[in-house]
Protein backbone atom coordinates (compact mmCIF):
# COMPACT_ATOMS: atom_id res chain seq x y z
CA UNK A 1 0.00 0.00 0.00
CA UNK A 2 2.79 2.45 0.90
CA UNK A 3 4.55 1.76 -2.38
CA UNK A 4 1.37 2.58 -4.29
CA UNK A 5 0.93 5.85 -2.37
CA UNK A 6 4.55 6.87 -2.94
CA UNK A 7 4.23 6.09 -6.65
CA UNK A 8 0.99 8.13 -6.81
CA UNK A 9 2.69 11.03 -4.99
CA UNK A 10 5.66 10.96 -7.38
CA UNK A 11 3.36 10.75 -10.41
CA UNK A 12 0.59 13.21 -9.55
CA UNK A 13 1.63 15.56 -6.73
CA UNK A 14 5.36 16.18 -7.07
CA UNK A 15 5.16 17.38 -10.71
CA UNK A 16 2.64 20.02 -9.64
CA UNK A 17 4.88 21.18 -6.80
CA UNK A 18 7.95 21.31 -9.04
CA UNK A 19 6.24 22.81 -12.10
CA UNK A 20 8.47 25.48 -13.67
CA UNK A 21 10.61 25.72 -10.54
CA UNK A 22 13.47 27.04 -12.69
CA UNK A 23 11.38 30.13 -13.42
CA UNK A 24 9.77 30.84 -10.05
CA UNK A 25 12.48 29.20 -7.90
CA UNK A 26 11.61 30.02 -4.30
CA UNK A 27 14.36 31.84 -2.45
CA UNK A 28 12.55 33.16 0.62
CA UNK A 29 12.63 30.73 3.53
CA UNK A 30 8.86 31.12 3.93
CA UNK A 31 8.26 30.12 0.29
CA UNK A 32 10.66 27.16 0.53
CA UNK A 33 8.93 25.92 3.68
CA UNK A 34 5.51 26.26 2.06
CA UNK A 35 6.56 24.16 -0.94
CA UNK A 36 8.43 21.58 1.15
CA UNK A 37 5.53 21.24 3.58
CA UNK A 38 3.59 19.33 0.92
CA UNK A 39 6.16 16.54 0.87
CA UNK A 40 6.66 16.65 4.64
CA UNK A 41 2.94 16.20 5.28
CA UNK A 42 2.68 13.37 2.77
CA UNK A 43 5.60 11.45 4.26
CA UNK A 44 4.43 12.00 7.82
CA UNK A 45 0.96 10.58 7.16
CA UNK A 46 2.15 7.24 5.86
CA UNK A 47 1.70 4.36 8.32
CA UNK A 48 4.73 3.78 10.52
CA UNK A 49 6.56 6.97 9.52
CA UNK A 50 4.73 9.61 11.56
CA UNK A 51 7.22 9.67 14.42
CA UNK A 52 10.39 9.42 12.30
CA UNK A 53 12.49 12.49 11.47
CA UNK A 54 11.97 13.92 7.99
CA UNK A 55 15.34 12.70 6.68
CA UNK A 56 14.65 9.15 7.81
CA UNK A 57 11.21 9.19 6.19
CA UNK A 58 12.73 10.30 2.89
CA UNK A 59 15.37 7.56 3.05
CA UNK A 60 12.78 4.87 3.75
CA UNK A 61 10.58 6.09 0.91
CA UNK A 62 13.56 6.59 -1.42
CA UNK A 63 12.54 10.20 -2.12
CA UNK A 64 14.88 13.18 -2.56
CA UNK A 65 14.27 16.50 -0.86
CA UNK A 66 12.48 19.06 -3.02
CA UNK A 67 15.39 21.45 -2.47
CA UNK A 68 17.80 18.93 -3.99
CA UNK A 69 15.44 18.33 -6.91
CA UNK A 70 15.20 22.10 -7.55
CA UNK A 71 18.99 22.38 -7.52
CA UNK A 72 19.25 19.48 -9.97
CA UNK A 73 16.69 21.10 -12.25
CA UNK A 74 18.53 24.45 -12.11
CA UNK A 75 21.83 22.79 -13.03
CA UNK A 76 20.26 21.00 -15.99
CA UNK A 77 18.75 24.27 -17.19
CA UNK A 78 22.13 26.06 -16.90
CA UNK A 79 23.76 23.25 -18.89
CA UNK A 80 21.16 23.61 -21.61
CA UNK A 81 21.70 27.38 -21.80
CA UNK A 82 25.49 27.17 -21.88
CA UNK A 83 25.62 24.51 -24.59
CA UNK A 84 22.91 26.06 -26.74
CA UNK A 85 20.30 23.35 -26.27
CA UNK A 86 17.58 25.97 -25.71
CA UNK A 87 16.85 29.03 -27.82
CA UNK A 88 18.36 31.60 -25.44
CA UNK A 89 21.42 33.77 -25.46
CA UNK A 90 23.58 32.75 -22.51
CA UNK A 91 24.89 36.31 -22.20
CA UNK A 92 21.41 37.52 -21.26
CA UNK A 93 21.15 35.17 -18.28
CA UNK A 94 24.61 34.13 -17.18
CA UNK A 95 27.78 36.01 -16.35
CA UNK A 96 30.64 33.69 -17.19
CA UNK A 97 33.93 34.28 -15.42
CA UNK A 98 36.96 33.72 -17.61
CA UNK A 99 40.06 32.59 -15.76
PDB file of N, CA and C in Angstrom:
ATOM      1  N   UNK A   1       0.828  -1.201   0.000  1.00  0.00           N
ATOM      2  CA  UNK A   1       0.000   0.000   0.000  1.00  0.00           C
ATOM      3  C   UNK A   1       0.868   1.258   0.000  1.00  0.00           C
ATOM      4  N   UNK A   2       1.925   1.269   0.839  1.00  0.00           N
ATOM      5  CA  UNK A   2       2.787   2.449   0.901  1.00  0.00           C
ATOM      6  C   UNK A   2       3.460   2.704  -0.437  1.00  0.00           C
ATOM      7  N   UNK A   3       3.884   1.620  -1.095  1.00  0.00           N
ATOM      8  CA  UNK A   3       4.545   1.765  -2.382  1.00  0.00           C
ATOM      9  C   UNK A   3       3.604   2.391  -3.408  1.00  0.00           C
ATOM     10  N   UNK A   4       2.365   2.016  -3.380  1.00  0.00           N
ATOM     11  CA  UNK A   4       1.373   2.584  -4.286  1.00  0.00           C
ATOM     12  C   UNK A   4       1.173   4.075  -4.003  1.00  0.00           C
ATOM     13  N   UNK A   5       1.102   4.439  -2.732  1.00  0.00           N
ATOM     14  CA  UNK A   5       0.929   5.848  -2.368  1.00  0.00           C
ATOM     15  C   UNK A   5       2.141   6.678  -2.766  1.00  0.00           C
ATOM     16  N   UNK A   6       3.328   6.141  -2.558  1.00  0.00           N
ATOM     17  CA  UNK A   6       4.547   6.867  -2.941  1.00  0.00           C
ATOM     18  C   UNK A   6       4.592   7.043  -4.452  1.00  0.00           C
ATOM     19  N   UNK A   7       4.245   6.003  -5.179  1.00  0.00           N
ATOM     20  CA  UNK A   7       4.226   6.094  -6.645  1.00  0.00           C
ATOM     21  C   UNK A   7       3.182   7.133  -7.095  1.00  0.00           C
ATOM     22  N   UNK A   8       2.028   7.140  -6.478  1.00  0.00           N
ATOM     23  CA  UNK A   8       0.993   8.126  -6.812  1.00  0.00           C
ATOM     24  C   UNK A   8       1.470   9.543  -6.495  1.00  0.00           C
ATOM     25  N   UNK A   9       2.155   9.716  -5.359  1.00  0.00           N
ATOM     26  CA  UNK A   9       2.690  11.026  -4.993  1.00  0.00           C
ATOM     27  C   UNK A   9       3.701  11.492  -6.042  1.00  0.00           C
ATOM     28  N   UNK A  10       4.627  10.603  -6.411  1.00  0.00           N
ATOM     29  CA  UNK A  10       5.660  10.962  -7.383  1.00  0.00           C
ATOM     30  C   UNK A  10       5.050  11.264  -8.756  1.00  0.00           C
ATOM     31  N   UNK A  11       3.964  10.595  -9.091  1.00  0.00           N
ATOM     32  CA  UNK A  11       3.356  10.751 -10.407  1.00  0.00           C
ATOM     33  C   UNK A  11       2.434  11.955 -10.495  1.00  0.00           C
ATOM     34  N   UNK A  12       1.636  12.198  -9.465  1.00  0.00           N
ATOM     35  CA  UNK A  12       0.587  13.210  -9.554  1.00  0.00           C
ATOM     36  C   UNK A  12       0.842  14.485  -8.747  1.00  0.00           C
ATOM     37  N   UNK A  13       1.480  14.384  -7.603  1.00  0.00           N
ATOM     38  CA  UNK A  13       1.629  15.555  -6.732  1.00  0.00           C
ATOM     39  C   UNK A  13       2.945  16.278  -6.973  1.00  0.00           C
ATOM     40  N   UNK A  14       4.046  15.541  -6.957  1.00  0.00           N
ATOM     41  CA  UNK A  14       5.355  16.184  -7.069  1.00  0.00           C
ATOM     42  C   UNK A  14       5.517  16.988  -8.357  1.00  0.00           C
ATOM     43  N   UNK A  15       5.037  16.529  -9.514  1.00  0.00           N
ATOM     44  CA  UNK A  15       5.159  17.377 -10.710  1.00  0.00           C
ATOM     45  C   UNK A  15       4.439  18.723 -10.571  1.00  0.00           C
ATOM     46  N   UNK A  16       3.341  18.755  -9.859  1.00  0.00           N
ATOM     47  CA  UNK A  16       2.643  20.023  -9.635  1.00  0.00           C
ATOM     48  C   UNK A  16       3.442  20.953  -8.735  1.00  0.00           C
ATOM     49  N   UNK A  17       4.082  20.382  -7.732  1.00  0.00           N
ATOM     50  CA  UNK A  17       4.878  21.179  -6.796  1.00  0.00           C
ATOM     51  C   UNK A  17       6.142  21.709  -7.480  1.00  0.00           C
ATOM     52  N   UNK A  18       6.698  20.934  -8.387  1.00  0.00           N
ATOM     53  CA  UNK A  18       7.946  21.306  -9.045  1.00  0.00           C
ATOM     54  C   UNK A  18       7.747  22.045 -10.359  1.00  0.00           C
ATOM     55  N   UNK A  19       6.520  22.234 -10.784  1.00  0.00           N
ATOM     56  CA  UNK A  19       6.240  22.807 -12.100  1.00  0.00           C
ATOM     57  C   UNK A  19       6.928  24.155 -12.282  1.00  0.00           C
ATOM     58  N   UNK A  20       7.745  24.254 -13.289  1.00  0.00           N
ATOM     59  CA  UNK A  20       8.465  25.480 -13.670  1.00  0.00           C
ATOM     60  C   UNK A  20       9.270  26.071 -12.511  1.00  0.00           C
ATOM     61  N   UNK A  21       9.843  25.220 -11.679  1.00  0.00           N
ATOM     62  CA  UNK A  21      10.613  25.723 -10.539  1.00  0.00           C
ATOM     63  C   UNK A  21      11.846  26.494 -10.975  1.00  0.00           C
ATOM     64  N   UNK A  22      12.325  26.282 -12.189  1.00  0.00           N
ATOM     65  CA  UNK A  22      13.470  27.041 -12.688  1.00  0.00           C
ATOM     66  C   UNK A  22      13.081  28.508 -12.842  1.00  0.00           C
ATOM     67  N   UNK A  23      11.835  28.768 -13.195  1.00  0.00           N
ATOM     68  CA  UNK A  23      11.377  30.131 -13.419  1.00  0.00           C
ATOM     69  C   UNK A  23      11.033  30.821 -12.097  1.00  0.00           C
ATOM     70  N   UNK A  24      10.253  30.189 -11.269  1.00  0.00           N
ATOM     71  CA  UNK A  24       9.770  30.838 -10.047  1.00  0.00           C
ATOM     72  C   UNK A  24      10.564  30.429  -8.815  1.00  0.00           C
ATOM     73  N   UNK A  25      11.648  29.748  -8.964  1.00  0.00           N
ATOM     74  CA  UNK A  25      12.479  29.198  -7.902  1.00  0.00           C
ATOM     75  C   UNK A  25      12.359  29.964  -6.577  1.00  0.00           C
ATOM     76  N   UNK A  26      11.784  29.329  -5.578  1.00  0.00           N
ATOM     77  CA  UNK A  26      11.605  30.020  -4.301  1.00  0.00           C
ATOM     78  C   UNK A  26      12.941  30.283  -3.623  1.00  0.00           C
ATOM     79  N   UNK A  27      13.128  31.509  -3.139  1.00  0.00           N
ATOM     80  CA  UNK A  27      14.364  31.841  -2.447  1.00  0.00           C
ATOM     81  C   UNK A  27      14.106  32.349  -1.037  1.00  0.00           C
ATOM     82  N   UNK A  28      12.896  32.788  -0.749  1.00  0.00           N
ATOM     83  CA  UNK A  28      12.546  33.156   0.619  1.00  0.00           C
ATOM     84  C   UNK A  28      12.321  31.894   1.436  1.00  0.00           C
ATOM     85  N   UNK A  29      12.781  31.902   2.668  1.00  0.00           N
ATOM     86  CA  UNK A  29      12.631  30.732   3.526  1.00  0.00           C
ATOM     87  C   UNK A  29      11.165  30.366   3.715  1.00  0.00           C
ATOM     88  N   UNK A  30      10.302  31.353   3.771  1.00  0.00           N
ATOM     89  CA  UNK A  30       8.863  31.119   3.927  1.00  0.00           C
ATOM     90  C   UNK A  30       8.300  30.383   2.710  1.00  0.00           C
ATOM     91  N   UNK A  31       8.726  30.777   1.519  1.00  0.00           N
ATOM     92  CA  UNK A  31       8.257  30.121   0.294  1.00  0.00           C
ATOM     93  C   UNK A  31       8.788  28.693   0.204  1.00  0.00           C
ATOM     94  N   UNK A  32      10.054  28.498   0.555  1.00  0.00           N
ATOM     95  CA  UNK A  32      10.657  27.165   0.530  1.00  0.00           C
ATOM     96  C   UNK A  32       9.927  26.239   1.495  1.00  0.00           C
ATOM     97  N   UNK A  33       9.652  26.731   2.688  1.00  0.00           N
ATOM     98  CA  UNK A  33       8.933  25.918   3.678  1.00  0.00           C
ATOM     99  C   UNK A  33       7.524  25.574   3.202  1.00  0.00           C
ATOM    100  N   UNK A  34       6.863  26.516   2.545  1.00  0.00           N
ATOM    101  CA  UNK A  34       5.507  26.259   2.056  1.00  0.00           C
ATOM    102  C   UNK A  34       5.502  25.156   1.002  1.00  0.00           C
ATOM    103  N   UNK A  35       6.475  25.183   0.098  1.00  0.00           N
ATOM    104  CA  UNK A  35       6.557  24.157  -0.943  1.00  0.00           C
ATOM    105  C   UNK A  35       6.950  22.813  -0.327  1.00  0.00           C
ATOM    106  N   UNK A  36       7.947  22.827   0.551  1.00  0.00           N
ATOM    107  CA  UNK A  36       8.427  21.581   1.154  1.00  0.00           C
ATOM    108  C   UNK A  36       7.419  20.962   2.118  1.00  0.00           C
ATOM    109  N   UNK A  37       6.506  21.769   2.633  1.00  0.00           N
ATOM    110  CA  UNK A  37       5.531  21.236   3.583  1.00  0.00           C
ATOM    111  C   UNK A  37       4.606  20.208   2.932  1.00  0.00           C
ATOM    112  N   UNK A  38       4.429  20.310   1.630  1.00  0.00           N
ATOM    113  CA  UNK A  38       3.593  19.334   0.917  1.00  0.00           C
ATOM    114  C   UNK A  38       4.192  17.944   1.057  1.00  0.00           C
ATOM    115  N   UNK A  39       5.500  17.841   0.783  1.00  0.00           N
ATOM    116  CA  UNK A  39       6.164  16.544   0.868  1.00  0.00           C
ATOM    117  C   UNK A  39       6.299  16.081   2.321  1.00  0.00           C
ATOM    118  N   UNK A  40       6.547  17.018   3.222  1.00  0.00           N
ATOM    119  CA  UNK A  40       6.660  16.651   4.644  1.00  0.00           C
ATOM    120  C   UNK A  40       5.352  16.052   5.162  1.00  0.00           C
ATOM    121  N   UNK A  41       4.238  16.698   4.827  1.00  0.00           N
ATOM    122  CA  UNK A  41       2.940  16.197   5.283  1.00  0.00           C
ATOM    123  C   UNK A  41       2.611  14.837   4.681  1.00  0.00           C
ATOM    124  N   UNK A  42       2.928  14.660   3.405  1.00  0.00           N
ATOM    125  CA  UNK A  42       2.677  13.371   2.771  1.00  0.00           C
ATOM    126  C   UNK A  42       3.457  12.266   3.475  1.00  0.00           C
ATOM    127  N   UNK A  43       4.753  12.481   3.664  1.00  0.00           N
ATOM    128  CA  UNK A  43       5.605  11.449   4.256  1.00  0.00           C
ATOM    129  C   UNK A  43       5.228  11.165   5.703  1.00  0.00           C
ATOM    130  N   UNK A  44       4.769  12.178   6.404  1.00  0.00           N
ATOM    131  CA  UNK A  44       4.426  12.001   7.820  1.00  0.00           C
ATOM    132  C   UNK A  44       3.139  11.197   7.993  1.00  0.00           C
ATOM    133  N   UNK A  45       2.264  11.253   7.030  1.00  0.00           N
ATOM    134  CA  UNK A  45       0.962  10.583   7.160  1.00  0.00           C
ATOM    135  C   UNK A  45       0.967   9.127   6.734  1.00  0.00           C
ATOM    136  N   UNK A  46       2.078   8.646   6.229  1.00  0.00           N
ATOM    137  CA  UNK A  46       2.150   7.235   5.862  1.00  0.00           C
ATOM    138  C   UNK A  46       2.272   6.381   7.122  1.00  0.00           C
ATOM    139  N   UNK A  47       1.659   5.222   7.132  1.00  0.00           N
ATOM    140  CA  UNK A  47       1.696   4.364   8.316  1.00  0.00           C
ATOM    141  C   UNK A  47       3.124   3.979   8.705  1.00  0.00           C
ATOM    142  N   UNK A  48       3.431   4.158   9.986  1.00  0.00           N
ATOM    143  CA  UNK A  48       4.730   3.779  10.518  1.00  0.00           C
ATOM    144  C   UNK A  48       5.809   4.827  10.382  1.00  0.00           C
ATOM    145  N   UNK A  49       5.535   5.945   9.727  1.00  0.00           N
ATOM    146  CA  UNK A  49       6.556   6.972   9.516  1.00  0.00           C
ATOM    147  C   UNK A  49       6.263   8.274  10.253  1.00  0.00           C
ATOM    148  N   UNK A  50       5.138   8.356  10.920  1.00  0.00           N
ATOM    149  CA  UNK A  50       4.731   9.605  11.558  1.00  0.00           C
ATOM    150  C   UNK A  50       5.677  10.124  12.613  1.00  0.00           C
ATOM    151  N   UNK A  51       6.347   9.237  13.332  1.00  0.00           N
ATOM    152  CA  UNK A  51       7.225   9.666  14.424  1.00  0.00           C
ATOM    153  C   UNK A  51       8.688   9.762  13.999  1.00  0.00           C
ATOM    154  N   UNK A  52       9.003   9.384  12.785  1.00  0.00           N
ATOM    155  CA  UNK A  52      10.390   9.419  12.298  1.00  0.00           C
ATOM    156  C   UNK A  52      10.763  10.839  11.871  1.00  0.00           C
ATOM    157  N   UNK A  53      12.039  11.198  12.005  1.00  0.00           N
ATOM    158  CA  UNK A  53      12.488  12.486  11.473  1.00  0.00           C
ATOM    159  C   UNK A  53      12.324  12.531   9.949  1.00  0.00           C
ATOM    160  N   UNK A  54      12.231  13.728   9.414  1.00  0.00           N
ATOM    161  CA  UNK A  54      11.971  13.918   7.991  1.00  0.00           C
ATOM    162  C   UNK A  54      13.009  13.217   7.116  1.00  0.00           C
ATOM    163  N   UNK A  55      14.284  13.333   7.463  1.00  0.00           N
ATOM    164  CA  UNK A  55      15.335  12.695   6.678  1.00  0.00           C
ATOM    165  C   UNK A  55      15.209  11.186   6.636  1.00  0.00           C
ATOM    166  N   UNK A  56      14.832  10.600   7.752  1.00  0.00           N
ATOM    167  CA  UNK A  56      14.649   9.148   7.811  1.00  0.00           C
ATOM    168  C   UNK A  56      13.464   8.729   6.952  1.00  0.00           C
ATOM    169  N   UNK A  57      12.389   9.505   7.013  1.00  0.00           N
ATOM    170  CA  UNK A  57      11.213   9.194   6.191  1.00  0.00           C
ATOM    171  C   UNK A  57      11.570   9.205   4.709  1.00  0.00           C
ATOM    172  N   UNK A  58      12.350  10.210   4.298  1.00  0.00           N
ATOM    173  CA  UNK A  58      12.732  10.296   2.892  1.00  0.00           C
ATOM    174  C   UNK A  58      13.607   9.116   2.477  1.00  0.00           C
ATOM    175  N   UNK A  59      14.512   8.718   3.356  1.00  0.00           N
ATOM    176  CA  UNK A  59      15.365   7.563   3.052  1.00  0.00           C
ATOM    177  C   UNK A  59      14.545   6.292   2.909  1.00  0.00           C
ATOM    178  N   UNK A  60      13.613   6.076   3.816  1.00  0.00           N
ATOM    179  CA  UNK A  60      12.784   4.868   3.753  1.00  0.00           C
ATOM    180  C   UNK A  60      11.894   4.839   2.520  1.00  0.00           C
ATOM    181  N   UNK A  61      11.458   6.010   2.082  1.00  0.00           N
ATOM    182  CA  UNK A  61      10.584   6.088   0.913  1.00  0.00           C
ATOM    183  C   UNK A  61      11.369   6.230  -0.388  1.00  0.00           C
ATOM    184  N   UNK A  62      12.687   6.405  -0.267  1.00  0.00           N
ATOM    185  CA  UNK A  62      13.556   6.590  -1.425  1.00  0.00           C
ATOM    186  C   UNK A  62      13.131   7.821  -2.235  1.00  0.00           C
ATOM    187  N   UNK A  63      12.952   8.939  -1.521  1.00  0.00           N
ATOM    188  CA  UNK A  63      12.540  10.204  -2.122  1.00  0.00           C
ATOM    189  C   UNK A  63      13.612  11.242  -1.800  1.00  0.00           C
ATOM    190  N   UNK A  64      13.938  12.084  -2.782  1.00  0.00           N
ATOM    191  CA  UNK A  64      14.876  13.179  -2.562  1.00  0.00           C
ATOM    192  C   UNK A  64      14.137  14.390  -2.005  1.00  0.00           C
ATOM    193  N   UNK A  65      14.879  15.270  -1.330  1.00  0.00           N
ATOM    194  CA  UNK A  65      14.265  16.504  -0.859  1.00  0.00           C
ATOM    195  C   UNK A  65      13.895  17.357  -2.068  1.00  0.00           C
ATOM    196  N   UNK A  66      12.885  18.186  -1.921  1.00  0.00           N
ATOM    197  CA  UNK A  66      12.475  19.056  -3.016  1.00  0.00           C
ATOM    198  C   UNK A  66      13.557  20.095  -3.298  1.00  0.00           C
ATOM    199  N   UNK A  67      14.292  20.504  -2.278  1.00  0.00           N
ATOM    200  CA  UNK A  67      15.387  21.452  -2.468  1.00  0.00           C
ATOM    201  C   UNK A  67      16.465  20.859  -3.374  1.00  0.00           C
ATOM    202  N   UNK A  68      16.815  19.599  -3.154  1.00  0.00           N
ATOM    203  CA  UNK A  68      17.800  18.931  -3.992  1.00  0.00           C
ATOM    204  C   UNK A  68      17.285  18.775  -5.419  1.00  0.00           C
ATOM    205  N   UNK A  69      16.021  18.473  -5.569  1.00  0.00           N
ATOM    206  CA  UNK A  69      15.436  18.328  -6.907  1.00  0.00           C
ATOM    207  C   UNK A  69      15.411  19.677  -7.639  1.00  0.00           C
ATOM    208  N   UNK A  70      15.158  20.779  -6.919  1.00  0.00           N
ATOM    209  CA  UNK A  70      15.197  22.103  -7.545  1.00  0.00           C
ATOM    210  C   UNK A  70      16.619  22.439  -7.992  1.00  0.00           C
ATOM    211  N   UNK A  71      17.599  22.136  -7.163  1.00  0.00           N
ATOM    212  CA  UNK A  71      18.995  22.380  -7.521  1.00  0.00           C
ATOM    213  C   UNK A  71      19.378  21.579  -8.768  1.00  0.00           C
ATOM    214  N   UNK A  72      18.973  20.327  -8.810  1.00  0.00           N
ATOM    215  CA  UNK A  72      19.249  19.481  -9.966  1.00  0.00           C
ATOM    216  C   UNK A  72      18.616  20.062 -11.228  1.00  0.00           C
ATOM    217  N   UNK A  73      17.393  20.504 -11.117  1.00  0.00           N
ATOM    218  CA  UNK A  73      16.687  21.099 -12.251  1.00  0.00           C
ATOM    219  C   UNK A  73      17.369  22.388 -12.711  1.00  0.00           C
ATOM    220  N   UNK A  74      17.813  23.217 -11.770  1.00  0.00           N
ATOM    221  CA  UNK A  74      18.525  24.452 -12.109  1.00  0.00           C
ATOM    222  C   UNK A  74      19.832  24.158 -12.838  1.00  0.00           C
ATOM    223  N   UNK A  75      20.561  23.148 -12.387  1.00  0.00           N
ATOM    224  CA  UNK A  75      21.828  22.791 -13.033  1.00  0.00           C
ATOM    225  C   UNK A  75      21.613  22.274 -14.451  1.00  0.00           C
ATOM    226  N   UNK A  76      20.575  21.492 -14.638  1.00  0.00           N
ATOM    227  CA  UNK A  76      20.255  21.000 -15.987  1.00  0.00           C
ATOM    228  C   UNK A  76      19.908  22.170 -16.901  1.00  0.00           C
ATOM    229  N   UNK A  77      19.139  23.116 -16.390  1.00  0.00           N
ATOM    230  CA  UNK A  77      18.746  24.269 -17.191  1.00  0.00           C
ATOM    231  C   UNK A  77      19.974  25.114 -17.560  1.00  0.00           C
ATOM    232  N   UNK A  78      20.895  25.309 -16.613  1.00  0.00           N
ATOM    233  CA  UNK A  78      22.128  26.055 -16.900  1.00  0.00           C
ATOM    234  C   UNK A  78      22.956  25.345 -17.974  1.00  0.00           C
ATOM    235  N   UNK A  79      23.050  24.041 -17.883  1.00  0.00           N
ATOM    236  CA  UNK A  79      23.764  23.250 -18.887  1.00  0.00           C
ATOM    237  C   UNK A  79      23.154  23.471 -20.265  1.00  0.00           C
ATOM    238  N   UNK A  80      21.838  23.425 -20.335  1.00  0.00           N
ATOM    239  CA  UNK A  80      21.161  23.606 -21.614  1.00  0.00           C
ATOM    240  C   UNK A  80      21.403  25.001 -22.189  1.00  0.00           C
ATOM    241  N   UNK A  81      21.440  26.022 -21.338  1.00  0.00           N
ATOM    242  CA  UNK A  81      21.696  27.385 -21.804  1.00  0.00           C
ATOM    243  C   UNK A  81      23.125  27.512 -22.304  1.00  0.00           C
ATOM    244  N   UNK A  82      24.076  27.019 -21.532  1.00  0.00           N
ATOM    245  CA  UNK A  82      25.489  27.167 -21.883  1.00  0.00           C
ATOM    246  C   UNK A  82      25.831  26.458 -23.188  1.00  0.00           C
ATOM    247  N   UNK A  83      25.286  25.275 -23.403  1.00  0.00           N
ATOM    248  CA  UNK A  83      25.624  24.506 -24.592  1.00  0.00           C
ATOM    249  C   UNK A  83      24.634  24.690 -25.746  1.00  0.00           C
ATOM    250  N   UNK A  84      23.777  25.694 -25.642  1.00  0.00           N
ATOM    251  CA  UNK A  84      22.907  26.057 -26.741  1.00  0.00           C
ATOM    252  C   UNK A  84      21.806  25.058 -27.051  1.00  0.00           C
ATOM    253  N   UNK A  85      21.357  24.330 -26.057  1.00  0.00           N
ATOM    254  CA  UNK A  85      20.303  23.349 -26.270  1.00  0.00           C
ATOM    255  C   UNK A  85      18.911  23.958 -26.156  1.00  0.00           C
ATOM    256  N   UNK A  86      18.842  25.221 -25.742  1.00  0.00           N
ATOM    257  CA  UNK A  86      17.585  25.966 -25.714  1.00  0.00           C
ATOM    258  C   UNK A  86      17.809  27.262 -26.485  1.00  0.00           C
ATOM    259  N   UNK A  87      16.754  27.828 -26.991  1.00  0.00           N
ATOM    260  CA  UNK A  87      16.851  29.025 -27.816  1.00  0.00           C
ATOM    261  C   UNK A  87      16.940  30.269 -26.933  1.00  0.00           C
ATOM    262  N   UNK A  88      18.101  30.442 -26.293  1.00  0.00           N
ATOM    263  CA  UNK A  88      18.355  31.600 -25.440  1.00  0.00           C
ATOM    264  C   UNK A  88      19.802  32.017 -25.615  1.00  0.00           C
ATOM    265  N   UNK A  89      20.049  33.283 -25.433  1.00  0.00           N
ATOM    266  CA  UNK A  89      21.422  33.767 -25.463  1.00  0.00           C
ATOM    267  C   UNK A  89      21.966  33.689 -24.040  1.00  0.00           C
ATOM    268  N   UNK A  90      23.024  32.940 -23.857  1.00  0.00           N
ATOM    269  CA  UNK A  90      23.581  32.749 -22.507  1.00  0.00           C
ATOM    270  C   UNK A  90      24.062  34.061 -21.901  1.00  0.00           C
ATOM    271  N   UNK A  91      24.435  35.019 -22.719  1.00  0.00           N
ATOM    272  CA  UNK A  91      24.895  36.312 -22.203  1.00  0.00           C
ATOM    273  C   UNK A  91      23.780  37.083 -21.509  1.00  0.00           C
ATOM    274  N   UNK A  92      22.541  36.826 -21.885  1.00  0.00           N
ATOM    275  CA  UNK A  92      21.411  37.520 -21.265  1.00  0.00           C
ATOM    276  C   UNK A  92      21.134  37.008 -19.859  1.00  0.00           C
ATOM    277  N   UNK A  93      21.529  35.781 -19.541  1.00  0.00           N
ATOM    278  CA  UNK A  93      21.152  35.172 -18.278  1.00  0.00           C
ATOM    279  C   UNK A  93      22.324  34.804 -17.375  1.00  0.00           C
ATOM    280  N   UNK A  94      23.481  34.607 -17.968  1.00  0.00           N
ATOM    281  CA  UNK A  94      24.613  34.132 -17.177  1.00  0.00           C
ATOM    282  C   UNK A  94      25.806  35.040 -17.360  1.00  0.00           C
ATOM    283  N   UNK A  95      26.528  35.266 -16.289  1.00  0.00           N
ATOM    284  CA  UNK A  95      27.779  36.015 -16.354  1.00  0.00           C
ATOM    285  C   UNK A  95      28.881  34.974 -16.167  1.00  0.00           C
ATOM    286  N   UNK A  96      29.598  34.699 -17.237  1.00  0.00           N
ATOM    287  CA  UNK A  96      30.637  33.689 -17.190  1.00  0.00           C
ATOM    288  C   UNK A  96      31.966  34.334 -16.815  1.00  0.00           C
ATOM    289  N   UNK A  97      32.636  33.779 -15.843  1.00  0.00           N
ATOM    290  CA  UNK A  97      33.925  34.284 -15.421  1.00  0.00           C
ATOM    291  C   UNK A  97      35.013  33.550 -16.204  1.00  0.00           C
ATOM    292  N   UNK A  98      35.843  34.303 -16.859  1.00  0.00           N
ATOM    293  CA  UNK A  98      36.956  33.716 -17.612  1.00  0.00           C
ATOM    294  C   UNK A  98      38.199  33.775 -16.735  1.00  0.00           C
ATOM    295  N   UNK A  99      38.855  32.654 -16.596  1.00  0.00           N
ATOM    296  CA  UNK A  99      40.057  32.594 -15.765  1.00  0.00           C
ATOM    297  C   UNK A  99      41.288  32.783 -16.598  1.00  0.00           C
TER     298      UNK A  99
END
